[in-house]
Every structure is written in C-alpha cells, then in structure tokens.
Amino acid sequence: MAVVIVGDPGDLHVQRVREMVARYDVDAFLLHPYANEAAMTYECGPLAGPSITFRVASNVIDASAISAVWWRAKRIVPPVGMEKREREADGFARSEWRMILRSLSDCLAPNVRWVNGVAFQDRANSKLYQLNLAAEVGLNIPRTVISNDPDSVLRLFHSGAEVIYKTLSGYVFPPDETIFTTRVAESDIEQDIAGVGRAPGIYQELIHKSYELRVTVVGERVFPVKICSQRDPETILDWRRSQLVDMYEMVVLPDDLQASLLRFGRMAGLHFAVYDLVVDCSGDVWFLECNPAGQWLWLEDRLHLPISAALAGDLAAADVELNRRTGVPLATNTSRSAPRRP
C-alpha cells in the first residue's frame, strides 16, 4: 500500500509531511504532474477491465495499492519571458494534466482517504459557498457585496460601512505579485466605474480588529493561533504583507467556535482546512475565509505545533486501515503503527 502526494517537490510542506509519513514505514510517492518523470497510464479493452498505473521516476504504482491521496496541487504561474510557442505548448500540457488529475478519484478505490477530495476542495474554494456555509453553521460574516455592478458596490458605502476589497480567485500576477486586502473609498468606485465593471470582486465591511485568528484543522484536531496584527501598521489591514514578523501566540478557542469550525469542515467534506477569522474590539468573532489548502509551516516552526505530524499520521493511518480491510499483510516491522524516531 502507498500514499500519493500530488504536489510540487519544492513545496516545504510537501517535503516535511512526506518525511513524516515515511517514518511509519509507509511508502509516500510524490506525483508532480508537470514534471517529465511523472506518468499515468490507463488501459482498457474488450477482454479485460481497466488497469491504471502511475510511474514516478523509476517507481511504478498500481492504483489498487493506493490507500491515501494528499491533494496539494497548487496553481502554477508560467515563467516570465517564455516564448509564445513554448507558452502555448506548456498551457496545452497543463490542460491535459488537469483533465486527467480531475479524474483521479474515478481511478481509485472508494475507500481511499482524500485530503482533500478534489471536488470538495474545488467547491470550498468558492468564496460564495464559504460565506453561505459559514452563516449556516452559526459564524458571523461581515456585510458583503460580490459584484461588478458599481451601483451595488456603492450601496454598501451608503449603508455607512467602511469597505475593503479582496479578490475572488487569489490571482497571482507573474512572477509573484499578489493583490492583498485593500481599503477602498466611495470615490474610488465612482472614479473607476469601468474598472469595477470589468470583473466581480469582494467588497466587504471593514471590521475593526482587536486581533485575528488562524485556525488549522486536521480531521477533528484543531490548531488555533492568535495573530496580533494590530501591533504593526503594515499588518493592520492584511497580516500577509509582513507575515514573518513576531505577532503569533498560542490560544484556546471557545467551545462553540471550535464546534462551528468542525461542523463547517464536515459539511464541506474537508479533512484539512485553514480558517481566517477576526476578533473585533467587542470580542465578537467574524469569519473571513476558509483555505482548504492553506499554508501552516511557518506557524508550526514558530510555535512548535504538530500540524505536519497530525496530517502525516492520518495519511499513514489510512494505509494501515486499508490493509486491515483488504487482508493484505502488513510489513513485518512491528513499529508500523507508530512513527520511527528521526
């Protein structure tokens, strides 16, 4: 049995979790879909059922041997300066890989553990879906307008709200430019009617913060962090502008808030998710967003949180559980159910 990680070998999160899965004597294969050493083969015909294999470098894995998949695939920004023909060929290859990867769940046994299932993760990336579900599980959400209609956006200002703008897709401009949360004035909308109308965006009531919360959830385990973002003028509006400054502390969540986040994850079909929330000056908690493939490593290192270990343990446990169900003998190493010492 084996665990497959769909991701980039340069991703430090991938490197750490893969190393920790290996401590359980479970094979962890990294499938980097856009690298030449990765291959997938599907074969079928009139006399035999379908067979599916994956080749990663010199290793060949039968689909029936896969017990868990960690879906860590990230959007890849094409390199700056790529020639037109090369860029088109690269785009074609990525499109073909996306099509086959989106079919991966149809190739594997129904009891394979997904972290997270591709369809669930895609749906959870929708900001509209997130806001609806957050309200359903009892979380506070700020007044929000998602629109490219300037009149609709201006009505949010007319309600007396201070307003911020956020992107819907998290688009990255080559090579690595991100649009952070930005405060906008009514005059900004009035003076750029054409720009507002070009694409929908998130226009949201500004919540004046006391501090923020970043909560990582692995299964039923919750790892909350307090972000003291109001200490530094650069991080008041968006802590990602200077994310490595010293502003993080351990915190304990209220039981009802933790229960709401766990319910959100179960209803969304997410085994792993990262939640961003704001605590206002009155102590009320506001939901901002859920990232079903969020980053955590810098918090783990700073605060000694066992997030990677929790994720690796769940992936390895799926291997042991599938072995038990199918009757395939386990390895003779008796320490298989517990991690080896590094």
Protein backbone atom coordinates (compact mmCIF):
# COMPACT_ATOMS: atom_id res chain seq x y z
CA MET A 1 0.00 0.00 0.00
CA ALA A 2 1.12 3.56 -0.63
CA VAL A 3 0.31 7.21 -0.04
CA VAL A 4 0.38 9.54 -3.06
CA ILE A 5 1.09 13.24 -2.69
CA VAL A 6 0.06 15.39 -5.65
CA GLY A 7 2.23 18.46 -5.36
CA ASP A 8 5.49 20.24 -6.02
CA PRO A 9 8.77 18.79 -4.72
CA GLY A 10 9.90 22.35 -3.95
CA ASP A 11 6.99 22.86 -1.53
CA LEU A 12 8.41 22.71 2.01
CA HIS A 13 5.05 21.49 3.33
CA VAL A 14 5.23 18.53 0.94
CA GLN A 15 8.80 17.75 1.96
CA ARG A 16 8.04 17.69 5.68
CA VAL A 17 4.83 15.66 5.52
CA ARG A 18 6.39 13.18 3.13
CA GLU A 19 9.33 12.65 5.51
CA MET A 20 6.94 12.11 8.43
CA VAL A 21 4.78 9.62 6.51
CA ALA A 22 7.94 7.61 5.76
CA ARG A 23 8.57 7.23 9.49
CA TYR A 24 5.52 4.97 9.62
CA ASP A 25 7.16 2.59 7.11
CA VAL A 26 4.56 3.69 4.56
CA ASP A 27 5.66 4.45 1.02
CA ALA A 28 4.91 8.08 0.12
CA PHE A 29 5.18 8.84 -3.59
CA LEU A 30 5.27 12.40 -4.87
CA LEU A 31 3.35 12.90 -8.11
CA HIS A 32 4.44 16.19 -9.63
CA PRO A 33 2.10 16.30 -12.62
CA TYR A 34 4.08 18.75 -14.74
CA ALA A 35 7.44 17.01 -14.40
CA ASN A 36 8.79 14.65 -17.04
CA GLU A 37 9.49 11.88 -14.52
CA ALA A 38 5.76 11.53 -13.72
CA ALA A 39 3.48 9.40 -15.91
CA MET A 40 -0.02 7.96 -15.69
CA THR A 41 -1.31 5.06 -17.84
CA TYR A 42 -4.91 3.91 -18.24
CA GLU A 43 -5.54 0.76 -20.28
CA CYS A 44 -8.80 -0.99 -21.13
CA GLY A 45 -10.22 -3.24 -23.80
CA PRO A 46 -12.99 -5.74 -24.65
CA LEU A 47 -11.38 -8.69 -22.84
CA ALA A 48 -10.18 -7.07 -19.62
CA GLY A 49 -11.27 -4.43 -17.19
CA PRO A 50 -9.38 -1.16 -16.88
CA SER A 51 -5.93 -1.04 -15.31
CA ILE A 52 -4.34 2.14 -14.03
CA THR A 53 -0.72 2.66 -13.09
CA PHE A 54 1.40 5.61 -12.11
CA ARG A 55 5.12 5.92 -12.68
CA VAL A 56 7.13 8.29 -10.52
CA ALA A 57 10.78 8.26 -11.62
CA SER A 58 11.67 4.53 -11.50
CA ASN A 59 8.75 3.54 -9.24
CA VAL A 60 5.57 2.05 -10.70
CA ILE A 61 2.42 2.12 -8.53
CA ASP A 62 -0.76 0.24 -9.28
CA ALA A 63 -3.88 2.25 -8.48
CA SER A 64 -5.20 -0.59 -6.31
CA ALA A 65 -2.23 -0.13 -3.96
CA ILE A 66 -3.03 3.50 -3.12
CA SER A 67 -4.53 3.99 0.34
CA ALA A 68 -4.50 7.79 0.63
CA VAL A 69 -4.03 10.88 -1.52
CA TRP A 70 -2.93 14.29 -0.28
CA TRP A 71 -4.08 16.81 -2.90
CA ARG A 72 -1.51 19.59 -2.57
CA ALA A 73 -1.60 20.73 -6.21
CA LYS A 74 -1.11 24.49 -6.46
CA ARG A 75 -1.72 26.97 -9.25
CA ILE A 76 1.46 27.33 -11.28
CA VAL A 77 2.33 30.72 -12.76
CA PRO A 78 4.12 30.39 -16.14
CA PRO A 79 7.66 31.79 -16.15
CA VAL A 80 8.10 35.36 -17.34
CA GLY A 81 9.75 35.62 -20.75
CA MET A 82 8.56 32.28 -22.12
CA GLU A 83 8.30 32.33 -25.91
CA LYS A 84 4.77 32.30 -27.37
CA ARG A 85 5.01 28.81 -28.90
CA GLU A 86 6.58 27.38 -25.75
CA ARG A 87 3.93 29.08 -23.60
CA GLU A 88 1.17 27.57 -25.75
CA ALA A 89 2.72 24.09 -25.54
CA ASP A 90 3.11 24.47 -21.78
CA GLY A 91 -0.50 25.58 -21.44
CA PHE A 92 -1.68 22.62 -23.51
CA ALA A 93 0.29 20.15 -21.34
CA ARG A 94 -1.11 21.65 -18.15
CA SER A 95 -4.64 21.49 -19.55
CA GLU A 96 -4.25 17.79 -20.37
CA TRP A 97 -2.82 17.04 -16.92
CA ARG A 98 -5.63 18.95 -15.23
CA MET A 99 -8.17 16.83 -17.09
CA ILE A 100 -6.60 13.54 -16.01
CA LEU A 101 -5.98 14.67 -12.44
CA ARG A 102 -9.61 15.72 -12.11
CA SER A 103 -10.46 12.09 -12.99
CA LEU A 104 -8.10 10.65 -10.38
CA SER A 105 -10.86 9.85 -7.91
CA ASP A 106 -12.53 7.66 -10.57
CA CYS A 107 -9.33 5.62 -10.83
CA LEU A 108 -9.01 4.73 -7.15
CA ALA A 109 -10.92 2.57 -4.69
CA PRO A 110 -13.87 4.26 -2.95
CA ASN A 111 -12.31 3.75 0.50
CA VAL A 112 -9.14 5.71 -0.33
CA ARG A 113 -8.67 8.66 2.06
CA TRP A 114 -8.53 12.02 0.30
CA VAL A 115 -7.03 15.11 1.90
CA ASN A 116 -9.00 16.71 0.37
CA GLY A 117 -11.24 15.24 -2.30
CA VAL A 118 -10.76 17.29 -5.47
CA ALA A 119 -14.44 18.11 -5.95
CA PHE A 120 -14.83 19.10 -2.28
CA GLN A 121 -11.70 21.25 -2.39
CA ASP A 122 -12.77 22.98 -5.60
CA ARG A 123 -16.19 23.76 -4.16
CA ALA A 124 -14.70 25.00 -0.88
CA ASN A 125 -12.50 27.45 -2.81
CA SER A 126 -15.65 29.34 -3.82
CA LYS A 127 -15.99 32.43 -1.63
CA LEU A 128 -19.77 32.45 -2.15
CA TYR A 129 -20.03 28.85 -0.95
CA GLN A 130 -17.84 29.63 2.06
CA LEU A 131 -19.92 32.60 3.17
CA ASN A 132 -23.19 30.68 2.81
CA LEU A 133 -21.84 27.72 4.79
CA ALA A 134 -20.29 29.93 7.47
CA ALA A 135 -23.66 31.55 8.10
CA GLU A 136 -25.32 28.12 8.16
CA VAL A 137 -23.01 26.83 10.91
CA GLY A 138 -23.57 29.94 13.03
CA LEU A 139 -20.49 32.04 12.27
CA ASN A 140 -20.74 35.81 11.94
CA ILE A 141 -20.00 37.15 8.46
CA PRO A 142 -19.40 40.83 7.58
CA ARG A 143 -21.76 42.66 5.25
CA THR A 144 -20.52 41.62 1.83
CA VAL A 145 -21.20 42.52 -1.79
CA ILE A 146 -19.67 40.33 -4.51
CA SER A 147 -20.34 42.14 -7.76
CA ASN A 148 -19.05 44.03 -10.77
CA ASP A 149 -22.06 46.37 -10.68
CA PRO A 150 -20.82 49.76 -9.38
CA ASP A 151 -24.29 50.69 -8.12
CA SER A 152 -24.42 47.55 -5.97
CA VAL A 153 -20.99 48.29 -4.53
CA LEU A 154 -21.91 51.91 -3.81
CA ARG A 155 -24.96 50.77 -1.83
CA LEU A 156 -22.56 49.14 0.64
CA PHE A 157 -20.99 52.55 1.25
CA HIS A 158 -24.42 54.15 1.55
CA SER A 159 -25.18 51.77 4.44
CA GLY A 160 -22.46 53.56 6.42
CA ALA A 161 -19.84 50.82 6.16
CA GLU A 162 -16.13 51.30 5.70
CA VAL A 163 -15.19 48.97 2.86
CA ILE A 164 -12.32 46.73 1.84
CA TYR A 165 -11.71 44.96 -1.48
CA LYS A 166 -10.49 41.36 -1.93
CA THR A 167 -10.07 39.18 -4.99
CA LEU A 168 -12.27 36.17 -5.62
CA SER A 169 -9.59 33.92 -7.10
CA GLY A 170 -6.36 34.86 -5.35
CA TYR A 171 -4.88 35.55 -8.77
CA VAL A 172 -1.08 35.87 -8.89
CA PHE A 173 0.41 38.25 -11.47
CA PRO A 174 3.67 36.85 -12.91
CA PRO A 175 6.10 36.32 -11.43
CA ASP A 176 4.68 36.52 -7.87
CA GLU A 177 2.60 39.67 -7.33
CA THR A 178 -0.46 39.23 -5.13
CA ILE A 179 -3.33 41.67 -4.52
CA PHE A 180 -3.67 41.98 -0.76
CA THR A 181 -6.75 43.19 1.10
CA THR A 182 -7.18 46.85 0.18
CA ARG A 183 -9.25 49.61 1.72
CA VAL A 184 -11.38 51.45 -0.85
CA ALA A 185 -13.27 54.74 -0.67
CA GLU A 186 -16.58 55.60 -2.28
CA SER A 187 -14.74 58.00 -4.58
CA ASP A 188 -12.51 55.12 -5.77
CA ILE A 189 -15.58 53.34 -7.13
CA GLU A 190 -17.12 56.49 -8.62
CA GLN A 191 -13.88 57.38 -10.42
CA ASP A 192 -13.29 53.90 -11.87
CA ILE A 193 -16.72 52.70 -12.97
CA ALA A 194 -15.22 50.87 -15.97
CA GLY A 195 -12.60 49.12 -13.83
CA VAL A 196 -15.18 47.96 -11.28
CA GLY A 197 -17.43 46.72 -14.08
CA ARG A 198 -14.71 44.67 -15.72
CA ALA A 199 -14.73 41.81 -13.19
CA PRO A 200 -16.58 40.85 -9.99
CA GLY A 201 -14.78 41.39 -6.72
CA ILE A 202 -15.41 41.04 -3.00
CA TYR A 203 -16.41 44.30 -1.33
CA GLN A 204 -16.80 43.80 2.39
CA GLU A 205 -17.49 45.80 5.51
CA LEU A 206 -14.25 46.61 7.31
CA ILE A 207 -14.21 45.00 10.77
CA HIS A 208 -12.06 46.93 13.24
CA LYS A 209 -9.85 44.27 14.76
CA SER A 210 -8.59 43.55 18.21
CA TYR A 211 -6.65 40.59 16.83
CA GLU A 212 -7.03 37.79 14.29
CA LEU A 213 -7.19 34.01 14.39
CA ARG A 214 -5.70 31.47 12.00
CA VAL A 215 -7.08 28.04 12.76
CA THR A 216 -5.70 24.91 11.10
CA VAL A 217 -7.90 21.81 11.28
CA VAL A 218 -6.71 18.27 10.53
CA GLY A 219 -9.60 15.83 10.86
CA GLU A 220 -11.02 16.63 14.29
CA ARG A 221 -7.81 18.21 15.62
CA VAL A 222 -7.76 21.98 15.88
CA PHE A 223 -4.62 24.13 15.97
CA PRO A 224 -5.57 27.77 16.67
CA VAL A 225 -3.14 30.70 16.55
CA LYS A 226 -3.72 34.28 17.68
CA ILE A 227 -2.33 36.90 15.28
CA CYS A 228 -1.60 40.23 16.96
CA SER A 229 -1.76 42.04 13.64
CA GLN A 230 -2.63 45.45 15.07
CA ARG A 231 0.83 45.96 16.59
CA ASP A 232 2.41 46.89 13.25
CA PRO A 233 0.95 49.49 10.84
CA GLU A 234 1.92 47.30 7.89
CA THR A 235 -0.18 44.34 9.08
CA ILE A 236 -3.25 46.17 10.38
CA LEU A 237 -5.29 45.55 7.24
CA ASP A 238 -3.66 42.33 5.95
CA TRP A 239 -1.12 40.43 8.07
CA ARG A 240 0.23 38.68 4.95
CA ARG A 241 2.03 41.90 3.99
CA SER A 242 4.65 41.11 6.64
CA GLN A 243 3.82 37.60 7.70
CA LEU A 244 7.18 36.68 9.26
CA VAL A 245 7.16 39.39 11.94
CA ASP A 246 6.74 38.29 15.55
CA MET A 247 2.96 38.54 16.06
CA TYR A 248 1.82 34.96 16.74
CA GLU A 249 0.69 33.38 20.01
CA MET A 250 -0.93 30.15 21.16
CA VAL A 251 -4.61 30.49 22.01
CA VAL A 252 -7.55 28.35 23.11
CA LEU A 253 -10.80 28.66 21.15
CA PRO A 254 -14.20 28.88 22.82
CA ASP A 255 -16.01 25.54 22.59
CA ASP A 256 -18.83 26.92 20.43
CA LEU A 257 -16.43 28.47 17.92
CA GLN A 258 -14.43 25.26 17.65
CA ALA A 259 -17.63 23.26 17.18
CA SER A 260 -18.77 25.60 14.38
CA LEU A 261 -15.45 25.25 12.52
CA LEU A 262 -15.52 21.46 12.83
CA ARG A 263 -19.08 21.43 11.55
CA PHE A 264 -18.06 23.64 8.63
CA GLY A 265 -15.33 21.16 7.69
CA ARG A 266 -17.60 18.13 7.94
CA MET A 267 -20.34 19.76 5.85
CA ALA A 268 -17.79 20.89 3.26
CA GLY A 269 -16.22 17.42 3.08
CA LEU A 270 -12.81 18.77 4.13
CA HIS A 271 -10.35 16.67 6.12
CA PHE A 272 -7.90 19.58 6.17
CA ALA A 273 -8.60 23.32 6.13
CA VAL A 274 -7.22 26.63 7.37
CA TYR A 275 -9.63 29.30 8.62
CA ASP A 276 -9.04 33.06 8.91
CA LEU A 277 -11.17 34.93 11.42
CA VAL A 278 -11.22 38.38 13.04
CA VAL A 279 -11.98 39.25 16.66
CA ASP A 280 -13.33 42.79 16.90
CA CYS A 281 -12.91 45.30 19.71
CA SER A 282 -16.07 43.98 21.40
CA GLY A 283 -14.82 40.40 21.39
CA ASP A 284 -17.13 39.20 18.60
CA VAL A 285 -15.63 36.73 16.12
CA TRP A 286 -16.10 37.19 12.36
CA PHE A 287 -15.48 34.63 9.64
CA LEU A 288 -13.36 35.85 6.74
CA GLU A 289 -12.49 32.78 4.71
CA CYS A 290 -11.52 29.12 4.56
CA ASN A 291 -8.49 27.92 2.63
CA PRO A 292 -8.74 24.16 2.00
CA ALA A 293 -5.04 24.02 1.04
CA GLY A 294 -3.64 26.73 3.30
CA GLN A 295 -0.07 27.22 4.50
CA TRP A 296 0.96 26.42 8.07
CA LEU A 297 4.66 25.62 8.20
CA TRP A 298 5.91 28.97 9.50
CA LEU A 299 3.41 28.77 12.39
CA GLU A 300 4.38 25.17 13.13
CA ASP A 301 8.05 26.12 13.39
CA ARG A 302 7.48 29.28 15.40
CA LEU A 303 5.02 27.81 17.92
CA HIS A 304 6.02 24.11 17.78
CA LEU A 305 2.60 22.99 16.56
CA PRO A 306 2.37 19.33 15.45
CA ILE A 307 0.30 20.06 12.34
CA SER A 308 2.51 18.18 9.87
CA ALA A 309 2.67 15.22 12.25
CA ALA A 310 -1.12 15.13 12.52
CA LEU A 311 -1.53 15.18 8.75
CA ALA A 312 1.17 12.55 8.19
CA GLY A 313 -0.38 10.34 10.86
CA ASP A 314 -3.77 10.48 9.18
CA LEU A 315 -2.32 9.62 5.78
CA ALA A 316 -0.34 6.70 7.23
CA ALA A 317 -3.33 5.50 9.26
CA ALA A 318 -5.32 5.19 6.04
CA ASP A 319 -2.65 2.77 4.78
CA VAL A 320 -2.93 0.62 7.90
CA GLU A 321 -6.75 0.72 7.80
CA LEU A 322 -6.92 -0.28 4.13
CA ASN A 323 -4.52 -3.15 4.79
CA ARG A 324 -6.78 -4.35 7.60
CA ARG A 325 -9.91 -4.20 5.43
CA THR A 326 -8.39 -5.91 2.41
CA GLY A 327 -6.40 -8.51 4.31
CA VAL A 328 -3.11 -7.55 2.68
CA PRO A 329 -0.31 -8.46 5.10
CA LEU A 330 1.40 -5.60 6.84
CA ALA A 331 5.15 -5.18 6.78
CA THR A 332 6.95 -7.24 9.39
CA ASN A 333 8.21 -4.11 11.13
CA THR A 334 6.19 -4.01 14.36
CA SER A 335 6.66 -0.25 14.69
CA ARG A 336 4.50 0.38 11.61
CA SER A 337 1.63 1.89 13.61
CA ALA A 338 3.89 4.44 15.31
CA PRO A 339 6.43 6.80 13.78
CA ARG A 340 10.10 5.98 13.92
CA ARG A 341 12.41 8.38 15.63
CA PRO A 342 14.16 10.68 13.15
